[in-house]
Every structure is written in C-alpha cells, then in structure tokens.
Amino acid sequence: MYSTAVAYLLWILSGFGALGLHRFYLNKIPTGLIWLLTGGLFMVGSVYDFITLPSQVREANLRERYREALYFEKYNKKRVSQERRKIAQASIEQIILKTAKRNNGVVSPSEIALEAEIPLDAAKKHLEDLAENGYADLRVTKSGVIVFVFPELRRDISDQEFESY
C-alpha cells in the first residue's frame, strides 16, 4: 500500500516535484518520465501534484488492489478449480455412501448417476476409484448386473444374490 507521507517526502526530495520521484513511487512511470524531462511540466505539474497528491495515493492504492484481485483470479484459477474438484469429489462420495447404506451396501453405476446427477461414465469411474482403493468390491448379480458392494455397509452378510468366481 502506498503512503501519502512517503509520496510527499519524495515530492520534496525531487525538487518540489520537478524530478517526479513521487510519480515513479505511485507507479505512474510514463508521467514520471515526463516530469523528469520537463521539470515537473515546468513546475505547473508539480504544483498540481502538491494539491492532488492524497487523491493520487488513494487512486494508486485502488489500482494496486485491483491488480491483486486480477492476479489472484488469473494465477489461482488452477488452485481454485482443484479445490472445487475436491469438494465435488467428496460430495459424490457422500452420495455414493448414502445410496449404498440405503441399499444394504450395494450400488450400481446407474443408481449413482441418477442420485448425483452426473454422467454414467463419471459415476462408474467414481465407483471404480473407490473399489481400487479397497472401499468397495466389484460384483456381478445373478441377473448379470455389475454392482459395487461396500462390505461395511451390509446389514446381512449373505452373498446368495451374487455370482461366485
């Protein structure tokens, strides 16, 4: 953040604004160069700056905050989208687990696609990820439907409805 006191100090040190150091400080490089080459616009600009320096500092601070906001949006988009994906992933996992609990520990990709309102391929991938990490088992029912079984959510332990390998 820019300081009015520092800006006035630089104004005084630069020959009462003639060299334009205060303008360089406020990141007004083009006009700083003009002030440097013309002696503060033949001292008319220096007097103007003496009167308006507090508002110039406020403007510079606003520009800086605006730049920071743009910088954050531009360079943190990837981080923000990764956080959103993690939240979405956690939400889908919760939907999967709640559905599995309601269905005695058994879910199919189509059930999850309907519950989570996501494409069938995405539901299948989420279930496969959970199975790969050891949270669920991939099974086939006697009617040939592929399901994922969450053993810890099963109320009964019988496997009569599944094909044996």
Foldseek 3Di string as FASTA:
>chain_A
DDDLVVLCVVCVVCVLCQQQPSCVVLVVVVVNVVSNVCRCVVCPNSVVCVVCVVVSNVVSVVVVVVVVVVCCCVPCVVVVVVVVVVVLLVVLVVQVVVVCLVVQQKDALVVSCVSSVHDSVVSVVSLVVCVVVPQWPWFAFPVGGIMIGRVVSHPDDDPVRTDDD
